């Protein structure tokens, strides 16, 4: 499974075989309370990774199992509902 994921990602990002993608699996991360919130959690992590230019210290950055606060989920929802219509209309 991990090798399949690595192969798919390398195809998407266009890395040559000499430049392997390193896939990291954090040992601990936030846990959503409801099954439908997982997409917002992923968007929150992506936003954090991109804005903070996180390239290392993953386990230090993602070391909480606490749910993401509801106000943060609302903010992410609002940002995406503003961004997507602007991007694709």
Protein backbone atom coordinates (compact mmCIF):
# COMPACT_ATOMS: atom_id res chain seq x y z
CA UNK A 1 0.00 0.00 0.00
CA UNK A 2 2.73 2.49 0.94
CA UNK A 3 4.65 1.72 -2.27
CA UNK A 4 1.49 2.20 -4.34
CA UNK A 5 0.93 5.60 -2.75
CA UNK A 6 4.55 6.59 -3.37
CA UNK A 7 4.29 5.55 -7.05
CA UNK A 8 1.06 7.52 -7.56
CA UNK A 9 2.49 10.63 -5.92
CA UNK A 10 5.66 10.51 -7.97
CA UNK A 11 3.57 10.34 -11.12
CA UNK A 12 1.54 13.37 -10.08
CA UNK A 13 4.41 15.59 -8.99
CA UNK A 14 6.70 14.53 -11.83
CA UNK A 15 9.79 13.56 -9.86
CA UNK A 16 12.36 11.45 -11.65
CA UNK A 17 13.21 8.04 -10.28
CA UNK A 18 16.39 9.50 -8.79
CA UNK A 19 14.35 11.92 -6.67
CA UNK A 20 12.15 9.71 -4.55
CA UNK A 21 9.28 11.23 -2.64
CA UNK A 22 9.50 10.67 1.08
CA UNK A 23 6.10 9.93 2.59
CA UNK A 24 5.84 10.56 6.30
CA UNK A 25 3.16 9.08 8.51
CA UNK A 26 2.73 11.15 11.68
CA UNK A 27 2.33 8.96 14.73
CA UNK A 28 -0.12 11.40 16.32
CA UNK A 29 -2.55 13.87 14.77
CA UNK A 30 -5.85 15.56 15.55
CA UNK A 31 -8.84 13.22 15.74
CA UNK A 32 -12.21 14.42 14.46
CA UNK A 33 -15.29 13.77 16.54
CA UNK A 34 -17.61 13.07 13.58
CA UNK A 35 -16.94 11.07 10.43
CA UNK A 36 -17.99 13.90 8.10
CA UNK A 37 -15.35 16.37 9.40
CA UNK A 38 -12.33 14.51 7.98
CA UNK A 39 -12.13 16.71 4.87
CA UNK A 40 -11.92 19.84 6.98
CA UNK A 41 -9.13 18.26 9.02
CA UNK A 42 -7.18 17.48 5.85
CA UNK A 43 -7.69 21.05 4.59
CA UNK A 44 -6.53 22.42 7.94
CA UNK A 45 -3.35 20.32 7.87
CA UNK A 46 -2.63 21.26 4.23
CA UNK A 47 -3.06 24.94 5.06
CA UNK A 48 -0.74 24.61 8.07
CA UNK A 49 1.92 22.75 6.09
CA UNK A 50 1.90 25.22 3.19
CA UNK A 51 1.75 28.43 5.20
CA UNK A 52 4.40 27.35 7.70
CA UNK A 53 6.58 25.77 4.97
CA UNK A 54 6.88 22.64 7.06
CA UNK A 55 9.51 20.32 5.63
CA UNK A 56 10.70 18.58 8.77
CA UNK A 57 9.88 18.13 12.46
CA UNK A 58 6.53 16.57 11.54
CA UNK A 59 6.11 14.79 14.82
CA UNK A 60 6.73 18.05 16.68
CA UNK A 61 4.13 19.93 14.62
CA UNK A 62 1.41 17.29 14.71
CA UNK A 63 1.49 15.92 18.21
CA UNK A 64 -2.02 16.50 19.49
CA UNK A 65 -4.97 14.15 19.32
CA UNK A 66 -7.38 16.90 20.40
CA UNK A 67 -10.14 17.78 17.95
CA UNK A 68 -9.58 20.92 15.89
CA UNK A 69 -11.67 23.69 17.51
CA UNK A 70 -15.07 24.34 15.95
CA UNK A 71 -14.17 27.99 15.19
CA UNK A 72 -11.16 26.79 13.16
CA UNK A 73 -13.39 24.37 11.23
CA UNK A 74 -15.83 27.24 10.53
CA UNK A 75 -12.96 29.46 9.34
CA UNK A 76 -11.68 26.77 6.96
CA UNK A 77 -15.20 26.20 5.64
CA UNK A 78 -15.61 29.94 5.02
CA UNK A 79 -12.23 30.25 3.29
CA UNK A 80 -13.01 27.39 0.92
CA UNK A 81 -16.56 28.58 0.18
CA UNK A 82 -15.08 31.95 -0.76
CA UNK A 83 -12.09 30.60 -2.70
CA UNK A 84 -13.71 27.89 -4.81
CA UNK A 85 -16.36 30.04 -6.57
CA UNK A 86 -13.70 32.67 -7.34
CA UNK A 87 -11.34 30.06 -8.73
CA UNK A 88 -13.81 28.15 -10.90
CA UNK A 89 -16.46 30.63 -12.00
